[in-house]
């Protein structure tokens, strides 16, 4: 694998116009990462054509054999874990501990879906007439476009690419600009594991025209996208012209409710992990903390102390607990929303300033006196900014948790089973966490949001993945 080249039809090649770009380590702006190509619309077309050409032979390969390649890729990811983790930290900024956990997750995902090669099939039904066998079979969708964000540059591609491949599809993978080196490394690992030419293609570059070419192509049968709501809805509107199947996972503005009966230490730990872990740059991060009145004072003091004690710095340093924003634009967005919150009348308790020179560092921020109608309580910031909202009781907390256009993840901290089950039943979110962080997902269960967090069509991960990446054919066999 050459980080300065893209993968089309089994070959590592330069962009057709030879354009390239490089980013900087967001924790050390003096350190430049390796350059990578800025692929063109022509390159996108060649990648789709290669995937289309390779799809028939790949789909005819027995699914256990496809799974064997994924299993080998899993073991190779594990063997390269330190190299991959350091690359994630240098390109995206998260701490090395967070990067290692993400690499391990990617390896586990490939291992899980390798097993699907032995389980993929259909169903047999009782016939309605004499001398008939009635059954269904699962068949691959065809060519899949995978477009992923920078915040989980190996885990999110893994949970899209692995099921696509094991179910017999071919893939054109476009990683985010700020996750391109990691995306190319993942593609290189799959090539080393034995993926045939054209089955996986990886092109890097700007969004816009490049993504549009991958989305609007009539040769593409499915699109799996994770990113922002505005981009996701644009993709949906373009894909519908070809009746292309679409799976979208978009933004989140996730609530974590703290009830009066909560364990205070646990509540603070979960809020810090949910809101400040990964620098708040996770779609499942808790950016709204809804606190019942009886515990609000104690909780606020403890949260402020915890926020101030977090060590912000270069993710490659073992003492760092929170890394930088991914780039200048994201840091500016964080600082802009902190200013907006103050102008709206929320009280900034701690943080909110640029932390230090040399990188895109920002102090973790905590707001109080936040009303649900404020922009900082409604719009996704994607940074280490927590808004505290007060609630009178469980009913009030649920109403405020649901007063949002998103519905991805939601959590509650309580010792009361009635509170826990009532919240789980009535909160409008695709993922509900009880006495756990809103971030972190099990790979063997469905994942996806409600409302504007998703297209409300197909879930990701676990056994739900088969629904998007395959189509069902029903066969009537008369043998009389």
Protein backbone atom coordinates (compact mmCIF):
# COMPACT_ATOMS: atom_id res chain seq x y z
CA UNK A 1 0.00 0.00 0.00
CA UNK A 2 1.16 3.50 -0.87
CA UNK A 3 -0.46 6.31 1.18
CA UNK A 4 0.19 8.60 -1.76
CA UNK A 5 -2.07 6.55 -4.05
CA UNK A 6 -5.68 5.43 -4.27
CA UNK A 7 -6.98 1.91 -4.92
CA UNK A 8 -8.88 1.25 -8.15
CA UNK A 9 -9.36 -2.23 -9.60
CA UNK A 10 -6.61 -3.74 -7.46
CA UNK A 11 -4.01 -1.13 -8.44
CA UNK A 12 -2.54 1.69 -6.36
CA UNK A 13 -2.65 4.70 -8.65
CA UNK A 14 -2.33 8.48 -8.52
CA UNK A 15 -5.31 10.75 -9.05
CA UNK A 16 -5.91 11.25 -12.75
CA UNK A 17 -4.84 14.89 -12.52
CA UNK A 18 -2.05 14.04 -10.03
CA UNK A 19 -3.46 16.47 -7.43
CA UNK A 20 -2.76 15.69 -3.76
CA UNK A 21 -3.21 17.21 -0.32
CA UNK A 22 -1.86 16.74 3.19
CA UNK A 23 -3.18 17.65 6.62
CA UNK A 24 -1.39 18.44 9.85
CA UNK A 25 -1.36 16.68 13.17
CA UNK A 26 -4.12 18.63 14.97
CA UNK A 27 -2.13 18.44 18.22
CA UNK A 28 1.14 19.59 16.64
CA UNK A 29 0.71 21.91 13.69
CA UNK A 30 4.40 21.71 12.84
CA UNK A 31 3.97 18.02 11.99
CA UNK A 32 2.59 17.31 8.54
CA UNK A 33 1.06 13.95 7.71
CA UNK A 34 1.71 12.10 4.46
CA UNK A 35 0.13 13.43 1.28
CA UNK A 36 -2.76 11.58 -0.35
CA UNK A 37 -4.48 11.98 -3.74
CA UNK A 38 -7.45 14.22 -4.44
CA UNK A 39 -9.37 11.89 -6.72
CA UNK A 40 -11.42 13.25 -9.62
CA UNK A 41 -14.89 12.50 -10.94
CA UNK A 42 -13.15 10.44 -13.63
CA UNK A 43 -11.44 8.38 -10.90
CA UNK A 44 -14.81 7.84 -9.21
CA UNK A 45 -16.27 6.56 -12.46
CA UNK A 46 -13.39 4.12 -12.95
CA UNK A 47 -13.80 2.86 -9.37
CA UNK A 48 -17.52 2.23 -9.86
CA UNK A 49 -16.86 0.47 -13.16
CA UNK A 50 -14.25 -1.76 -11.52
CA UNK A 51 -16.66 -2.65 -8.71
CA UNK A 52 -19.39 -3.45 -11.23
CA UNK A 53 -17.05 -5.67 -13.24
CA UNK A 54 -15.88 -7.59 -10.15
CA UNK A 55 -19.27 -8.06 -8.53
CA UNK A 56 -20.50 -11.16 -10.39
CA UNK A 57 -17.45 -13.31 -9.68
CA UNK A 58 -17.22 -12.11 -6.07
CA UNK A 59 -20.88 -12.92 -5.41
CA UNK A 60 -20.41 -16.45 -6.82
CA UNK A 61 -17.59 -17.13 -4.37
CA UNK A 62 -19.05 -19.18 -1.49
CA UNK A 63 -19.83 -16.87 1.41
CA UNK A 64 -17.63 -18.85 3.87
CA UNK A 65 -14.70 -18.14 1.53
CA UNK A 66 -15.53 -14.45 1.57
CA UNK A 67 -15.70 -14.66 5.36
CA UNK A 68 -12.27 -16.27 5.47
CA UNK A 69 -10.76 -13.16 3.86
CA UNK A 70 -12.51 -10.95 6.43
CA UNK A 71 -11.20 -13.14 9.24
CA UNK A 72 -7.66 -12.79 7.91
CA UNK A 73 -8.16 -9.02 7.71
CA UNK A 74 -9.27 -9.04 11.34
CA UNK A 75 -6.07 -10.76 12.42
CA UNK A 76 -3.97 -8.36 10.35
CA UNK A 77 -5.69 -5.35 11.91
CA UNK A 78 -4.87 -6.79 15.33
CA UNK A 79 -1.23 -7.31 14.33
CA UNK A 80 -1.00 -3.72 13.05
CA UNK A 81 -2.94 -2.18 15.92
CA UNK A 82 -0.20 0.07 17.28
CA UNK A 83 0.66 1.41 13.82
CA UNK A 84 -3.01 2.06 13.01
CA UNK A 85 -3.75 3.65 16.39
CA UNK A 86 -0.84 6.07 16.07
CA UNK A 87 -1.99 6.98 12.56
CA UNK A 88 -5.51 7.75 13.83
CA UNK A 89 -4.14 9.97 16.59
CA UNK A 90 -1.84 11.86 14.25
CA UNK A 91 -4.54 12.38 11.65
CA UNK A 92 -7.70 12.88 13.74
CA UNK A 93 -6.37 13.82 17.19
CA UNK A 94 -8.04 11.47 19.67
CA UNK A 95 -5.99 10.02 22.50
CA UNK A 96 -3.90 6.93 21.83
CA UNK A 97 -6.07 4.96 24.27
CA UNK A 98 -9.18 5.95 22.31
CA UNK A 99 -7.48 5.11 19.01
CA UNK A 100 -6.40 1.68 20.27
CA UNK A 101 -9.97 0.94 21.35
CA UNK A 102 -11.24 1.96 17.92
CA UNK A 103 -8.75 -0.26 16.10
CA UNK A 104 -9.68 -3.19 18.34
CA UNK A 105 -13.33 -2.53 17.54
CA UNK A 106 -12.62 -2.60 13.80
CA UNK A 107 -10.86 -5.94 14.13
CA UNK A 108 -13.77 -7.36 16.12
CA UNK A 109 -16.24 -6.17 13.48
CA UNK A 110 -14.40 -7.99 10.70
CA UNK A 111 -14.21 -11.10 12.88
CA UNK A 112 -17.95 -10.96 13.61
CA UNK A 113 -18.95 -10.57 9.96
CA UNK A 114 -16.50 -13.27 8.92
CA UNK A 115 -18.81 -15.61 10.81
CA UNK A 116 -21.77 -14.32 8.82
CA UNK A 117 -20.27 -16.13 5.86
CA UNK A 118 -21.44 -19.36 7.52
CA UNK A 119 -24.86 -18.01 8.51
CA UNK A 120 -25.91 -16.15 5.36
CA UNK A 121 -28.82 -17.86 3.64
CA UNK A 122 -32.60 -17.73 3.47
CA UNK A 123 -35.69 -19.49 4.77
CA UNK A 124 -37.82 -22.50 3.87
CA UNK A 125 -41.60 -22.12 4.12
CA UNK A 126 -44.47 -24.63 4.15
CA UNK A 127 -45.93 -24.82 0.63
CA UNK A 128 -49.57 -23.99 -0.04
CA UNK A 129 -49.94 -26.58 -2.79
CA UNK A 130 -48.95 -30.23 -3.26
CA UNK A 131 -45.49 -31.19 -4.52
CA UNK A 132 -43.86 -27.83 -4.08
CA UNK A 133 -40.79 -26.52 -2.26
CA UNK A 134 -41.11 -22.88 -1.24
CA UNK A 135 -38.04 -20.99 -0.08
CA UNK A 136 -36.33 -17.61 -0.07
CA UNK A 137 -32.69 -16.72 -0.62
CA UNK A 138 -30.59 -13.70 0.25
CA UNK A 139 -28.69 -12.17 -2.67
CA UNK A 140 -26.22 -9.27 -2.69
CA UNK A 141 -27.49 -5.83 -3.59
CA UNK A 142 -24.61 -5.17 -6.02
CA UNK A 143 -22.24 -2.18 -5.91
CA UNK A 144 -22.19 -0.24 -2.64
CA UNK A 145 -20.90 3.30 -2.15
CA UNK A 146 -19.55 3.80 1.38
CA UNK A 147 -19.01 7.40 2.54
CA UNK A 148 -17.68 7.83 6.07
CA UNK A 149 -16.79 10.66 8.50
CA UNK A 150 -13.47 11.52 10.12
CA UNK A 151 -14.39 10.99 13.77
CA UNK A 152 -14.19 7.16 13.67
CA UNK A 153 -11.97 6.69 10.61
CA UNK A 154 -11.55 2.91 10.92
CA UNK A 155 -14.51 1.66 13.00
CA UNK A 156 -17.30 3.21 10.91
CA UNK A 157 -15.77 2.04 7.61
CA UNK A 158 -15.37 -1.41 9.14
CA UNK A 159 -19.01 -1.75 10.13
CA UNK A 160 -20.09 -0.77 6.62
CA UNK A 161 -17.48 -2.53 4.48
CA UNK A 162 -17.40 -5.86 6.35
CA UNK A 163 -21.10 -6.76 5.91
CA UNK A 164 -21.14 -5.38 2.37
CA UNK A 165 -18.31 -7.72 1.38
CA UNK A 166 -19.37 -10.87 3.20
CA UNK A 167 -22.86 -10.70 1.68
CA UNK A 168 -21.33 -10.60 -1.81
CA UNK A 169 -21.35 -6.92 -2.71
CA UNK A 170 -18.46 -4.90 -4.08
CA UNK A 171 -17.54 -1.53 -2.58
CA UNK A 172 -16.36 1.93 -3.56
CA UNK A 173 -15.13 3.51 -0.34
CA UNK A 174 -14.65 7.24 0.11
CA UNK A 175 -13.23 8.14 3.53
CA UNK A 176 -13.49 11.66 4.92
CA UNK A 177 -10.74 14.08 3.98
CA UNK A 178 -9.43 14.12 7.57
CA UNK A 179 -9.51 10.32 7.79
CA UNK A 180 -8.05 9.53 4.39
CA UNK A 181 -4.73 8.02 5.51
CA UNK A 182 -6.52 5.68 7.91
CA UNK A 183 -9.01 4.76 5.18
CA UNK A 184 -6.21 3.93 2.75
CA UNK A 185 -4.50 1.86 5.46
CA UNK A 186 -7.69 -0.13 6.01
CA UNK A 187 -8.05 -0.72 2.27
CA UNK A 188 -4.41 -1.83 2.11
CA UNK A 189 -5.00 -4.32 4.92
CA UNK A 190 -7.90 -5.87 3.03
CA UNK A 191 -5.79 -6.11 -0.12
CA UNK A 192 -3.08 -7.85 1.89
CA UNK A 193 -5.74 -10.20 3.27
CA UNK A 194 -6.55 -11.34 -0.27
CA UNK A 195 -9.50 -9.26 -1.45
CA UNK A 196 -9.67 -9.66 -5.26
CA UNK A 197 -9.10 -6.75 -7.63
CA UNK A 198 -12.11 -4.47 -8.01
CA UNK A 199 -14.01 -5.87 -5.04
CA UNK A 200 -12.89 -2.98 -2.83
CA UNK A 201 -11.91 0.37 -4.29
CA UNK A 202 -10.80 3.33 -2.16
CA UNK A 203 -10.69 6.90 -3.44
CA UNK A 204 -9.78 9.93 -1.35
CA UNK A 205 -10.49 13.59 -1.88
CA UNK A 206 -12.94 16.42 -1.41
CA UNK A 207 -16.67 15.83 -1.02
CA UNK A 208 -18.94 17.73 -3.37
CA UNK A 209 -18.49 16.59 -6.95
CA UNK A 210 -16.62 13.41 -5.98
CA UNK A 211 -19.35 12.21 -3.60
CA UNK A 212 -22.04 13.26 -6.06
CA UNK A 213 -20.45 11.09 -8.75
CA UNK A 214 -20.52 8.09 -6.42
CA UNK A 215 -24.09 8.77 -5.33
CA UNK A 216 -25.67 9.59 -8.68
CA UNK A 217 -24.14 6.75 -10.69
CA UNK A 218 -26.81 4.38 -12.07
CA UNK A 219 -24.30 1.54 -11.58
CA UNK A 220 -24.45 1.98 -7.79
CA UNK A 221 -27.09 -0.14 -6.03
CA UNK A 222 -26.70 1.04 -2.46
CA UNK A 223 -25.28 3.99 -0.52
CA UNK A 224 -24.26 3.84 3.14
CA UNK A 225 -23.44 7.24 4.59
CA UNK A 226 -22.56 8.55 8.03
CA UNK A 227 -22.19 12.30 8.45
CA UNK A 228 -24.18 15.49 8.86
CA UNK A 229 -27.91 15.96 8.34
CA UNK A 230 -27.55 18.54 5.51
CA UNK A 231 -25.20 16.30 3.50
CA UNK A 232 -27.25 13.19 4.22
CA UNK A 233 -30.47 14.71 2.95
CA UNK A 234 -28.69 15.89 -0.20
CA UNK A 235 -27.48 12.33 -0.81
CA UNK A 236 -31.00 10.99 -0.30
CA UNK A 237 -32.51 13.43 -2.80
CA UNK A 238 -29.90 12.55 -5.43
CA UNK A 239 -30.10 8.79 -4.90
CA UNK A 240 -33.87 8.62 -5.24
CA UNK A 241 -33.59 9.56 -8.93
CA UNK A 242 -32.14 6.08 -9.59
CA UNK A 243 -34.20 4.40 -6.85
CA UNK A 244 -30.88 3.57 -5.17
CA UNK A 245 -31.18 2.01 -1.74
CA UNK A 246 -29.90 4.39 0.96
CA UNK A 247 -28.79 3.99 4.56
CA UNK A 248 -28.12 7.23 6.43
CA UNK A 249 -26.79 7.88 9.92
CA UNK A 250 -26.65 11.59 10.61
CA UNK A 251 -26.38 13.94 13.57
CA UNK A 252 -27.20 13.68 17.24
CA UNK A 253 -27.91 16.05 20.14
CA UNK A 254 -28.03 13.44 22.83
CA UNK A 255 -29.49 13.84 26.34
CA UNK A 256 -28.19 12.25 29.52
CA UNK A 257 -30.70 12.55 32.36
CA UNK A 258 -29.46 12.64 35.96
CA UNK A 259 -32.18 11.76 38.48
CA UNK A 260 -32.15 12.76 42.16
CA UNK A 261 -31.53 9.13 43.16
CA UNK A 262 -28.46 8.75 40.93
CA UNK A 263 -25.06 7.76 42.26
CA UNK A 264 -23.32 11.15 42.08
CA UNK A 265 -19.84 9.80 41.32
CA UNK A 266 -21.19 7.54 38.60
CA UNK A 267 -23.23 10.36 37.09
CA UNK A 268 -20.22 12.67 36.84
CA UNK A 269 -18.03 9.90 35.40
CA UNK A 270 -20.62 9.07 32.73
CA UNK A 271 -21.17 12.71 31.76
CA UNK A 272 -17.43 13.35 31.45
CA UNK A 273 -16.96 10.20 29.37
CA UNK A 274 -20.04 10.88 27.22
CA UNK A 275 -19.53 14.61 26.71
CA UNK A 276 -15.76 15.15 26.80
CA UNK A 277 -14.45 11.75 25.71
CA UNK A 278 -13.32 11.75 22.07
CA UNK A 279 -13.25 15.58 22.47
CA UNK A 280 -17.03 15.48 22.14
CA UNK A 281 -16.55 14.56 18.49
CA UNK A 282 -18.95 11.63 18.43
CA UNK A 283 -22.48 11.48 17.04
CA UNK A 284 -23.55 9.72 20.26
CA UNK A 285 -21.84 12.23 22.60
CA UNK A 286 -23.96 13.65 25.43
CA UNK A 287 -24.15 17.38 24.83
CA UNK A 288 -27.35 17.93 26.86
CA UNK A 289 -27.31 16.96 30.54
CA UNK A 290 -30.79 17.14 32.05
CA UNK A 291 -30.53 17.30 35.84
CA UNK A 292 -33.32 16.90 38.39
CA UNK A 293 -33.44 19.75 40.90
CA UNK A 294 -32.59 17.85 44.07
CA UNK A 295 -29.15 16.78 42.86
CA UNK A 296 -28.40 19.75 40.57
CA UNK A 297 -26.22 21.75 42.97
CA UNK A 298 -23.98 18.87 44.03
CA UNK A 299 -23.76 17.56 40.49
CA UNK A 300 -22.82 20.95 39.05
CA UNK A 301 -19.97 21.44 41.49
CA UNK A 302 -18.62 17.93 40.90
CA UNK A 303 -18.88 18.25 37.12
CA UNK A 304 -17.05 21.59 37.12
CA UNK A 305 -14.25 20.10 39.17
CA UNK A 306 -13.99 17.09 36.85
CA UNK A 307 -13.98 19.29 33.74
CA UNK A 308 -11.22 21.52 35.11
CA UNK A 309 -9.07 18.54 36.05
CA UNK A 310 -9.10 16.96 32.57
CA UNK A 311 -5.65 16.96 30.98
CA UNK A 312 -5.95 18.37 27.45
CA UNK A 313 -3.04 17.76 25.11
CA UNK A 314 -1.38 15.69 22.40
CA UNK A 315 -3.08 12.31 22.16
CA UNK A 316 0.28 10.58 21.74
CA UNK A 317 1.21 11.51 25.32
CA UNK A 318 0.12 8.93 27.87
CA UNK A 319 -1.10 11.52 30.38
CA UNK A 320 -3.51 13.17 27.94
CA UNK A 321 -7.20 12.64 28.68
CA UNK A 322 -8.71 14.77 25.90
CA UNK A 323 -7.18 15.56 22.52
CA UNK A 324 -7.68 18.51 20.17
CA UNK A 325 -10.44 19.37 17.74
CA UNK A 326 -9.82 17.73 14.39
CA UNK A 327 -9.06 20.96 12.51
CA UNK A 328 -9.30 24.75 12.54
CA UNK A 329 -12.88 24.77 11.27
CA UNK A 330 -14.10 22.48 14.04
CA UNK A 331 -12.30 24.46 16.75
CA UNK A 332 -13.80 27.68 15.37
CA UNK A 333 -17.25 26.06 15.41
CA UNK A 334 -16.81 25.06 19.06
CA UNK A 335 -15.73 28.57 20.05
CA UNK A 336 -18.55 30.13 18.00
CA UNK A 337 -21.21 28.11 19.80
CA UNK A 338 -19.71 28.96 23.19
CA UNK A 339 -20.10 32.63 22.29
CA UNK A 340 -23.66 31.99 21.06
CA UNK A 341 -24.53 30.28 24.35
CA UNK A 342 -23.36 33.27 26.34
CA UNK A 343 -25.26 35.67 24.09
CA UNK A 344 -28.41 33.57 24.54
CA UNK A 345 -28.19 33.97 28.30
CA UNK A 346 -26.73 30.63 29.36
CA UNK A 347 -24.12 30.75 32.13
CA UNK A 348 -20.66 29.47 31.21
CA UNK A 349 -19.41 27.79 34.39
CA UNK A 350 -16.00 26.58 33.22
CA UNK A 351 -13.85 26.26 30.10
CA UNK A 352 -14.67 27.42 26.63
CA UNK A 353 -11.35 29.02 25.73
CA UNK A 354 -8.58 27.96 23.39
CA UNK A 355 -6.48 25.81 25.70
CA UNK A 356 -2.94 26.29 24.43
CA UNK A 357 -0.88 27.09 21.35
CA UNK A 358 0.53 24.56 18.92
CA UNK A 359 -2.71 22.71 18.22
CA UNK A 360 -6.49 22.93 17.95
CA UNK A 361 -7.03 22.64 21.70
CA UNK A 362 -10.08 23.89 23.55
CA UNK A 363 -10.93 23.73 27.24
CA UNK A 364 -13.94 21.48 28.00
CA UNK A 365 -16.92 23.77 28.60
CA UNK A 366 -19.93 23.46 30.90
CA UNK A 367 -23.00 25.70 30.58
CA UNK A 368 -25.79 26.08 33.15
CA UNK A 369 -29.20 27.76 32.95
CA UNK A 370 -29.73 26.42 29.46
CA UNK A 371 -33.24 26.52 28.03
CA UNK A 372 -34.29 23.79 25.59
CA UNK A 373 -35.03 26.40 22.94
CA UNK A 374 -31.47 27.80 22.88
CA UNK A 375 -29.27 27.02 19.88
CA UNK A 376 -26.67 25.34 22.09
CA UNK A 377 -29.44 22.96 23.19
CA UNK A 378 -30.78 22.33 19.68
CA UNK A 379 -27.88 22.33 17.23
CA UNK A 380 -25.10 19.76 17.04
CA UNK A 381 -21.80 21.37 18.04
CA UNK A 382 -19.57 18.28 17.81
CA UNK A 383 -17.16 19.48 20.45
CA UNK A 384 -16.52 19.34 24.22
CA UNK A 385 -19.46 21.56 25.18
CA UNK A 386 -22.04 20.38 27.73
CA UNK A 387 -25.33 22.21 28.36
CA UNK A 388 -27.02 21.66 31.73
CA UNK A 389 -30.83 21.78 31.62
CA UNK A 390 -32.87 21.57 34.83
CA UNK A 391 -35.91 19.30 35.19
CA UNK A 392 -38.54 19.08 37.92
CA UNK A 393 -39.21 15.34 37.66
CA UNK A 394 -39.05 12.36 35.29
CA UNK A 395 -41.96 13.60 33.17
CA UNK A 396 -40.27 16.97 32.69
CA UNK A 397 -36.91 15.32 31.95
CA UNK A 398 -38.39 13.08 29.25
CA UNK A 399 -40.24 16.00 27.67
CA UNK A 400 -37.03 18.03 27.53
CA UNK A 401 -35.02 15.07 26.26
CA UNK A 402 -37.50 14.70 23.37
CA UNK A 403 -37.64 18.44 22.57
CA UNK A 404 -35.16 18.09 19.72
CA UNK A 405 -35.14 17.19 16.03
CA UNK A 406 -32.56 14.43 16.54
CA UNK A 407 -33.03 11.02 18.14
CA UNK A 408 -29.83 9.02 18.10
CA UNK A 409 -28.70 8.17 21.64
CA UNK A 410 -30.14 8.96 25.08
CA UNK A 411 -29.25 7.96 28.61
CA UNK A 412 -30.44 8.10 32.19
CA UNK A 413 -28.62 7.67 35.49
CA UNK A 414 -30.92 6.34 38.20
CA UNK A 415 -31.26 3.64 40.87
CA UNK A 416 -35.01 3.38 40.30
CA UNK A 417 -36.20 0.64 37.94
CA UNK A 418 -39.46 2.47 37.26
CA UNK A 419 -37.51 5.54 36.12
CA UNK A 420 -35.24 3.39 33.98
CA UNK A 421 -37.97 1.46 32.17
CA UNK A 422 -40.25 4.48 31.76
CA UNK A 423 -37.40 6.46 30.19
CA UNK A 424 -36.43 3.57 27.90
CA UNK A 425 -40.02 3.24 26.73
CA UNK A 426 -40.79 6.91 26.14
CA UNK A 427 -37.56 8.60 25.04
CA UNK A 428 -37.38 9.17 21.27
CA UNK A 429 -33.99 7.69 20.44
CA UNK A 430 -32.70 4.64 18.61
CA UNK A 431 -30.15 3.84 21.36
CA UNK A 432 -30.98 4.04 25.06
CA UNK A 433 -28.33 3.72 27.78
CA UNK A 434 -29.22 3.20 31.47
CA UNK A 435 -26.40 3.90 33.92
CA UNK A 436 -23.94 3.81 31.02
CA UNK A 437 -22.26 6.39 28.80
CA UNK A 438 -24.21 7.50 25.74
CA UNK A 439 -21.13 6.69 23.65
CA UNK A 440 -19.92 3.15 22.98
CA UNK A 441 -21.86 0.55 21.02
CA UNK A 442 -22.06 -3.23 21.01
CA UNK A 443 -21.26 -4.56 17.54
CA UNK A 444 -23.73 -7.47 17.70
CA UNK A 445 -26.90 -5.36 18.03
CA UNK A 446 -28.69 -2.98 15.64
CA UNK A 447 -27.59 0.66 15.61
CA UNK A 448 -29.44 3.64 14.21
CA UNK A 449 -31.37 6.72 15.18
CA UNK A 450 -34.86 8.17 15.01
CA UNK A 451 -36.11 11.46 13.57
CA UNK A 452 -33.41 13.53 11.81
CA UNK A 453 -30.63 11.24 13.02
CA UNK A 454 -31.45 8.69 10.35
CA UNK A 455 -33.29 8.06 7.11
CA UNK A 456 -35.50 5.77 9.25
CA UNK A 457 -34.97 2.95 6.78
CA UNK A 458 -32.20 0.46 7.59
CA UNK A 459 -30.25 -0.14 10.81
CA UNK A 460 -26.53 -0.87 10.91
CA UNK A 461 -24.43 -3.55 12.61
CA UNK A 462 -25.22 -6.97 14.00
CA UNK A 463 -27.92 -9.10 12.39
CA UNK A 464 -29.69 -5.97 11.10
CA UNK A 465 -26.95 -5.36 8.51
CA UNK A 466 -28.24 -8.14 6.26
CA UNK A 467 -31.42 -6.18 5.58
CA UNK A 468 -29.58 -3.34 3.84
CA UNK A 469 -26.83 -5.24 2.06
CA UNK A 470 -29.00 -8.00 0.56
CA UNK A 471 -32.27 -8.39 -1.26
CA UNK A 472 -34.68 -11.30 -0.87
CA UNK A 473 -35.71 -13.60 -3.70
CA UNK A 474 -38.59 -16.07 -3.24
CA UNK A 475 -38.45 -19.36 -5.17
CA UNK A 476 -41.40 -21.69 -5.94
CA UNK A 477 -40.24 -25.16 -7.00
CA UNK A 478 -42.90 -27.52 -8.24
CA UNK A 479 -41.76 -31.14 -8.46
CA UNK A 480 -44.98 -33.04 -9.14
